[in-house]
Protein backbone atom coordinates (compact mmCIF):
# COMPACT_ATOMS: atom_id res chain seq x y z
CA MET A 1 128.81 89.31 50.97
CA ASN A 2 125.01 88.75 50.81
CA LYS A 3 124.58 89.98 54.15
CA HIS A 4 125.67 93.10 54.08
CA LYS A 5 123.34 93.59 50.55
CA SER A 6 120.11 92.67 52.59
CA LEU A 7 121.44 94.73 55.32
CA PHE A 8 122.22 97.61 53.13
CA LEU A 9 118.70 97.09 51.63
CA VAL A 10 117.11 97.43 54.82
CA VAL A 11 118.64 100.56 56.06
CA LEU A 12 117.60 102.23 51.99
CA VAL A 13 113.99 101.49 52.67
CA THR A 14 114.00 102.52 56.40
CA PHE A 15 115.27 105.82 55.08
CA CYS A 16 112.82 106.45 52.47
CA LEU A 17 109.65 105.45 54.86
CA CYS A 18 111.15 108.09 57.73
CA SER A 19 111.48 110.71 55.13
CA VAL A 20 108.46 110.49 53.42
CA ASP A 21 106.99 110.21 56.76
CA PHE A 22 109.11 113.67 57.25
CA LEU A 23 107.75 115.55 53.72
CA SER A 24 103.75 114.61 54.56
CA ARG A 25 103.84 115.96 58.49
CA PHE A 26 105.56 118.70 57.16
CA LEU A 27 103.25 119.77 53.60
CA THR A 28 100.08 119.48 56.64
CA THR A 29 101.41 121.90 58.84
CA GLU A 30 102.11 124.22 56.23
CA LYS A 31 98.41 123.49 55.41
CA SER A 32 97.15 124.41 58.58
CA THR A 33 99.27 127.90 59.07
CA VAL A 34 97.65 129.48 55.61
CA ALA A 35 94.85 128.17 57.41
CA ASP A 36 95.10 129.37 60.32
CA SER A 37 95.95 132.90 59.14
CA LEU A 38 92.56 133.26 56.73
CA ASN A 39 90.54 135.69 59.91
CA ILE A 40 87.27 134.52 59.99
CA ASN A 41 84.65 136.44 62.27
CA ALA A 42 82.00 134.11 62.88
CA SER A 43 80.43 136.78 65.52
CA GLU A 44 79.17 138.81 63.21
CA ASP A 45 75.10 138.13 63.19
CA SER A 46 75.57 137.77 58.94
CA THR A 47 76.97 135.16 59.58
CA ARG A 48 75.13 131.79 59.86
CA PHE A 49 76.13 128.18 60.13
CA LEU A 50 71.71 127.04 60.33
CA ARG A 51 68.49 127.18 58.88
CA ALA A 52 66.93 129.88 60.78
CA ASN A 53 64.48 126.79 61.22
CA ASP A 54 66.80 124.03 62.83
CA GLU A 55 67.96 127.04 65.06
CA VAL A 56 64.82 127.25 66.61
CA LYS A 57 64.16 123.57 66.70
CA ILE A 58 68.45 122.80 68.52
CA LYS A 59 67.45 125.59 71.01
CA ALA A 60 63.98 123.95 71.52
CA LEU A 61 65.73 121.05 73.22
CA LEU A 62 68.26 122.64 74.73
CA ALA A 63 65.77 124.63 76.47
CA THR A 64 64.73 121.60 78.17
CA PHE A 65 67.95 121.23 79.56
CA ASP A 66 68.37 125.31 81.29
CA VAL A 67 65.44 124.93 83.61
CA VAL A 68 66.68 126.43 86.92
CA ASP A 69 64.72 125.42 90.23
CA VAL A 70 64.22 128.55 91.75
CA LYS A 71 62.45 126.85 94.97
CA LEU A 72 65.49 125.30 95.80
CA PRO A 73 66.11 125.31 100.23
CA LYS A 74 70.04 126.83 100.73
CA GLN A 75 71.67 124.31 101.88
CA THR A 76 73.52 124.72 105.48
CA LYS A 77 76.87 123.14 106.28
CA LYS A 78 76.74 120.94 108.74
CA PRO A 79 79.44 120.85 111.31
CA MET A 80 82.25 117.42 110.68
CA VAL A 81 81.80 115.31 113.61
CA ILE A 82 84.62 113.56 113.51
CA ASN A 83 84.24 110.35 116.28
CA LYS A 84 87.80 109.55 118.00
CA PRO A 85 87.87 105.97 119.50
CA LYS A 86 87.42 105.28 123.19
CA ILE A 87 90.12 104.46 124.67
CA ASN A 88 89.92 101.24 127.57
CA LEU A 89 92.61 102.41 129.49
CA MET A 90 92.17 100.69 133.16
CA SER A 91 92.02 103.40 135.85
CA LYS A 92 94.77 103.46 138.68
CA THR A 93 92.53 101.58 141.15
CA LEU A 94 91.57 98.65 138.74
CA GLN A 95 95.68 98.74 138.32
CA GLN A 96 96.33 98.00 141.47
CA GLN A 97 93.65 95.27 143.01
CA GLN A 98 95.02 93.02 139.76
CA LYS A 99 95.73 89.89 141.51
CA GLY A 100 95.59 86.37 140.41
CA ILE A 101 95.88 84.52 136.71
CA LEU A 102 95.22 87.52 134.26
CA ALA A 103 95.74 87.88 130.71
CA SER A 104 97.42 91.02 130.64
CA LEU A 105 98.81 93.13 133.03
CA PHE A 106 98.70 95.98 132.47
CA ASP A 107 100.10 99.19 133.90
CA GLY A 108 100.06 103.18 133.18
CA GLU A 109 99.38 102.88 129.53
CA ASP A 110 100.70 99.58 128.54
CA LYS A 111 99.13 96.15 128.39
CA TYR A 112 101.80 93.45 129.10
CA THR A 113 101.23 89.83 127.82
CA LEU A 114 103.06 86.10 128.24
CA VAL A 115 104.54 85.03 124.42
CA ALA A 116 107.11 83.11 125.65
CA THR A 117 109.50 81.18 127.75
CA PHE A 118 112.80 80.00 127.76
CA ASP A 119 115.64 77.79 129.87
CA ASP A 120 118.89 78.67 128.59
CA SER A 121 121.51 77.50 130.40
CA HIS A 122 119.98 77.11 133.76
CA LYS A 123 119.07 80.79 133.67
CA LYS A 124 115.24 81.16 133.12
CA PHE A 125 113.46 83.93 131.15
CA ALA A 126 110.69 85.18 129.13
CA LEU A 127 109.40 87.11 126.35
CA ILE A 128 106.72 89.52 127.06
CA SER A 129 104.76 91.79 124.63
CA LYS A 130 104.44 95.53 125.23
CA MET A 131 101.89 97.02 123.95
CA HIS A 132 100.93 100.95 124.91
CA LEU A 133 97.04 101.74 124.69
CA LEU A 134 96.94 105.20 123.18
CA SER A 135 99.95 104.65 120.48
CA GLY A 136 99.35 100.70 119.59
CA LYS A 137 102.73 100.66 119.25
CA THR A 138 104.49 96.97 120.68
CA SER A 139 107.67 95.44 121.38
CA GLN A 140 109.10 92.61 123.18
CA ILE A 141 111.10 92.48 126.36
CA ARG A 142 113.07 89.88 127.69
CA LEU A 143 113.32 89.60 131.33
CA TYR A 144 114.58 87.18 133.68
CA GLU A 145 113.40 86.25 137.22
CA GLY A 146 113.81 89.09 139.53
CA ASP A 147 113.71 91.97 136.19
CA LYS A 148 111.05 94.55 136.71
CA ILE A 149 108.15 95.87 135.10
CA SER A 150 107.86 99.50 136.29
CA ASP A 151 107.29 98.37 140.47
CA TYR A 152 106.07 94.83 139.16
CA SER A 153 108.92 92.25 139.90
CA LEU A 154 109.56 89.28 138.21
CA SER A 155 109.72 86.03 140.60
CA LYS A 156 108.35 83.16 138.14
CA VAL A 157 109.29 81.88 135.44
CA SER A 158 108.20 78.14 134.70
CA HIS A 159 107.05 76.36 131.53
CA ASP A 160 103.76 77.16 131.23
CA PHE A 161 103.21 80.80 133.36
CA VAL A 162 105.29 84.48 134.70
CA GLU A 163 104.10 85.37 137.99
CA PHE A 164 104.71 89.04 139.20
CA SER A 165 105.40 90.39 142.75
CA LEU A 166 104.04 93.76 144.27
CA GLY A 167 104.25 93.87 148.12
CA VAL A 168 101.92 90.89 148.72
CA ARG A 169 99.93 90.55 145.08
CA LEU A 170 100.87 87.95 143.13
CA ILE A 171 100.10 88.13 139.39
CA LYS A 172 100.14 85.07 137.30
CA LEU A 173 100.67 85.38 133.49
CA PRO A 174 99.63 81.92 131.61
CA LEU A 175 100.73 81.06 128.20
CA PHE A 176 98.00 79.58 126.67
CA SER A 177 94.35 81.07 127.79
CA LEU A 178 92.91 79.06 130.55
CA THR A 179 89.26 79.25 128.46
CA PRO A 180 88.52 77.43 125.86
CA ASN A 181 88.03 79.62 122.13
CA LYS A 182 84.35 79.87 121.15
CA VAL A 183 83.49 79.86 117.77
C-alpha cells in the first residue's frame, strides 16, 4: 500500500511540473508573437540607435578593415598535373631471357612468387602468389608438378624451391631469399 501512495505522489508531482513547463512555454510564445506584430522600420533616417560621435568612432574602426589593395596581381590558374606512377614492367625480351635462380617469375603483366611447398601423400604441389602489376591485385595459385603458368611448366617441386621450364631454359624460384636482408 505504501508503494502505491509513493508512486501516485511521484506521478502527481511529475504532472504538475510538466503543466508548469507547458504554461511557461505557451505564454512565452504568445508574448513573442505580440512583439513580432509591431512594425518597426529601422531603415528610416529619423531612427537612430547611436549618438553621432559614437557612430563616427565605429566607422573609423571599421575603415581599417575595409582597405582594398588594388595592386593585387591577377592570379592565373595553373593546369593541374597528375603524375601517374611509373609502372615497372619487364619487357618481353627480358622476360624471354629469364633463367637461373630468381626471386620472382615475370610473365606478361603478372609476377609469380613462391609462397610454400607441400607434399600431400606423395603428390607434391606449390602455392604461388600471383600479382597483377598494373592493378596490384594478388591471388594464390596451387600448382602440381606438370601444371603450367602461361608457357612455363612446373617441372620440379622440392621442399625449399620450385623449378619451371620453358624449352631448355630452367627457372628456379627459392622459398627463401638467398641474400641476407640489410637492416
